[in-house]
Protein backbone atom coordinates (compact mmCIF):
# COMPACT_ATOMS: atom_id res chain seq x y z
CA CYS A 1 138.68 -1.34 74.87
CA GLY A 2 138.02 1.48 72.60
CA GLN A 3 139.17 1.80 69.01
CA ASP A 4 142.42 2.72 70.01
CA HIS A 5 142.55 3.24 73.51
CA SER A 6 142.43 0.52 76.60
CA CYS A 7 141.81 0.53 80.65
CA CYS A 8 141.31 -1.34 83.41
CA ILE A 9 140.35 -0.86 87.29
CA THR A 10 142.64 -2.10 89.78
CA ASP A 11 140.70 -4.19 93.45
CA ASN A 12 140.99 -0.72 94.92
CA GLY A 13 138.89 1.05 92.41
CA ALA A 14 141.77 3.24 90.82
CA ILE A 15 140.97 3.60 86.75
CA PHE A 16 144.00 3.14 84.44
CA THR A 17 144.71 4.16 80.68
CA TRP A 18 146.82 4.01 77.83
CA GLY A 19 146.99 4.48 74.03
CA SER A 20 145.33 6.60 71.52
CA ASN A 21 143.81 10.05 73.60
CA LYS A 22 143.00 12.29 70.39
CA ASP A 23 139.59 13.02 71.53
CA GLY A 24 140.72 13.05 75.05
CA GLN A 25 139.40 9.26 75.76
CA LEU A 26 142.06 8.16 78.30
CA GLY A 27 140.75 11.03 80.90
CA GLN A 28 144.43 12.48 81.44
CA ARG A 29 143.55 16.12 81.26
CA ASP A 30 145.37 16.32 77.53
CA PHE A 31 144.97 15.05 74.13
CA LYS A 32 149.01 13.30 74.54
CA ALA A 33 149.01 9.20 73.80
CA ARG A 34 149.99 7.10 76.96
CA ILE A 35 152.36 4.09 75.58
CA GLN A 36 151.70 2.45 79.18
CA PRO A 37 149.05 2.28 81.44
CA THR A 38 148.29 5.64 83.05
CA ILE A 39 146.52 6.44 86.69
CA VAL A 40 143.23 8.60 86.00
CA ASP A 41 143.57 10.92 89.02
CA LYS A 42 141.77 13.37 88.24
CA CYS A 43 137.40 14.27 87.86
CA CYS A 44 135.13 17.07 87.29
CA ASP A 45 132.18 17.58 89.13
CA PRO A 46 129.99 20.73 86.95
CA ASP A 47 128.93 21.58 90.55
CA VAL A 48 132.09 22.44 92.03
CA PRO A 49 134.35 24.86 90.05
CA ARG A 50 137.63 22.79 90.73
CA LEU A 51 139.04 18.93 90.18
CA LYS A 52 138.77 16.69 92.54
CA ASN A 53 141.96 13.71 93.17
CA THR A 54 139.93 10.20 91.96
CA LYS A 55 142.03 8.50 94.96
CA ASN A 56 138.96 9.45 97.05
CA LYS A 57 136.60 7.53 94.65
CA ILE A 58 136.48 3.48 94.16
CA PHE A 59 135.40 3.02 90.56
CA ARG A 60 133.95 -0.28 90.16
CA ASP A 61 132.83 -0.42 86.58
CA ILE A 62 134.30 1.18 83.34
CA ILE A 63 132.82 0.72 79.92
CA VAL A 64 134.60 2.02 76.67
CA GLY A 65 133.11 3.21 73.26
CA ASN A 66 135.54 3.86 70.25
CA TRP A 67 136.83 7.22 71.18
CA HIS A 68 134.83 7.58 74.58
CA CYS A 69 134.59 6.16 77.92
CA LEU A 70 132.20 5.93 81.32
CA ALA A 71 132.49 4.51 84.65
CA ILE A 72 130.39 4.33 87.57
CA THR A 73 131.92 4.25 91.25
CA THR A 74 130.58 2.27 94.47
CA LYS A 75 128.35 5.11 95.38
CA LYS A 76 126.51 5.45 91.58
CA LYS A 77 127.78 8.38 90.46
CA VAL A 78 128.80 8.04 86.70
CA TYR A 79 131.35 9.79 84.53
CA ALA A 80 131.83 10.54 81.39
CA TRP A 81 135.05 11.57 79.36
CA GLY A 82 136.79 11.72 75.25
CA LYS A 83 134.17 12.07 72.13
CA ASN A 84 130.89 13.87 72.50
CA LYS A 85 130.26 14.95 68.79
CA TYR A 86 126.58 13.61 69.48
CA GLY A 87 126.36 14.26 73.29
CA GLN A 88 126.88 10.58 73.90
CA LEU A 89 128.77 11.39 77.13
CA GLY A 90 125.34 12.98 78.70
CA LEU A 91 126.96 16.03 79.22
CA GLY A 92 124.16 18.76 78.06
CA HIS A 93 126.68 19.46 75.31
CA THR A 94 128.56 18.49 72.22
CA ASN A 95 132.50 19.25 73.66
CA SER A 96 134.67 16.79 73.85
CA MET A 97 136.03 16.16 77.53
CA HIS A 98 139.48 15.39 78.58
CA THR A 99 138.67 15.13 82.21
CA PRO A 100 136.09 12.27 83.86
CA THR A 101 133.25 14.56 84.18
CA SER A 102 130.10 13.39 86.50
CA ILE A 103 126.52 13.04 84.48
CA LEU A 104 124.32 15.25 86.86
CA PRO A 105 121.43 13.88 86.08
CA LEU A 106 122.51 10.78 87.10
CA SER A 107 124.91 11.79 89.85
CA ASP A 108 122.58 14.79 91.79
CA PRO A 109 122.72 13.68 95.38
CA LEU A 110 119.16 15.26 95.94
CA ASN A 111 117.80 13.37 93.57
CA PRO A 112 119.91 9.81 92.86
CA LYS A 113 118.85 7.86 89.83
CA ASN A 114 120.50 4.66 91.83
CA VAL A 115 122.50 3.53 87.96
CA ARG A 116 122.99 0.00 88.75
CA CYS A 117 124.47 -0.67 85.12
CA ILE A 118 126.27 1.02 82.36
CA SER A 119 127.34 0.55 78.57
CA THR A 120 128.36 2.90 75.16
CA GLY A 121 128.21 2.53 71.35
CA LYS A 122 130.35 2.27 68.89
CA SER A 123 130.83 5.76 69.15
């Protein structure tokens, strides 16, 4: 779990989050806290101009920092969201993100990196 938030992945690969959401760390497209597990139902691929449903994605692992999260799908696509003060989301900027956003250098289908494992630091 993070500083003030928690998450889980279900058997079918869906992500649920709850707790504080001050920096978008719940991935719920807003900054409102949740007092019960809520499905993360949208994600963003920076190379696509619209949000996608996560129901077609099967997440296999999620790692939680104090105020941010990283998750990887069974197709080895890596998503990041939450606080990004130091660029810890790997998105090429320092804006916090409230929607899971794919990290293009790691998720580019034309130049796959075949990520096996993810981890985060404290902040």
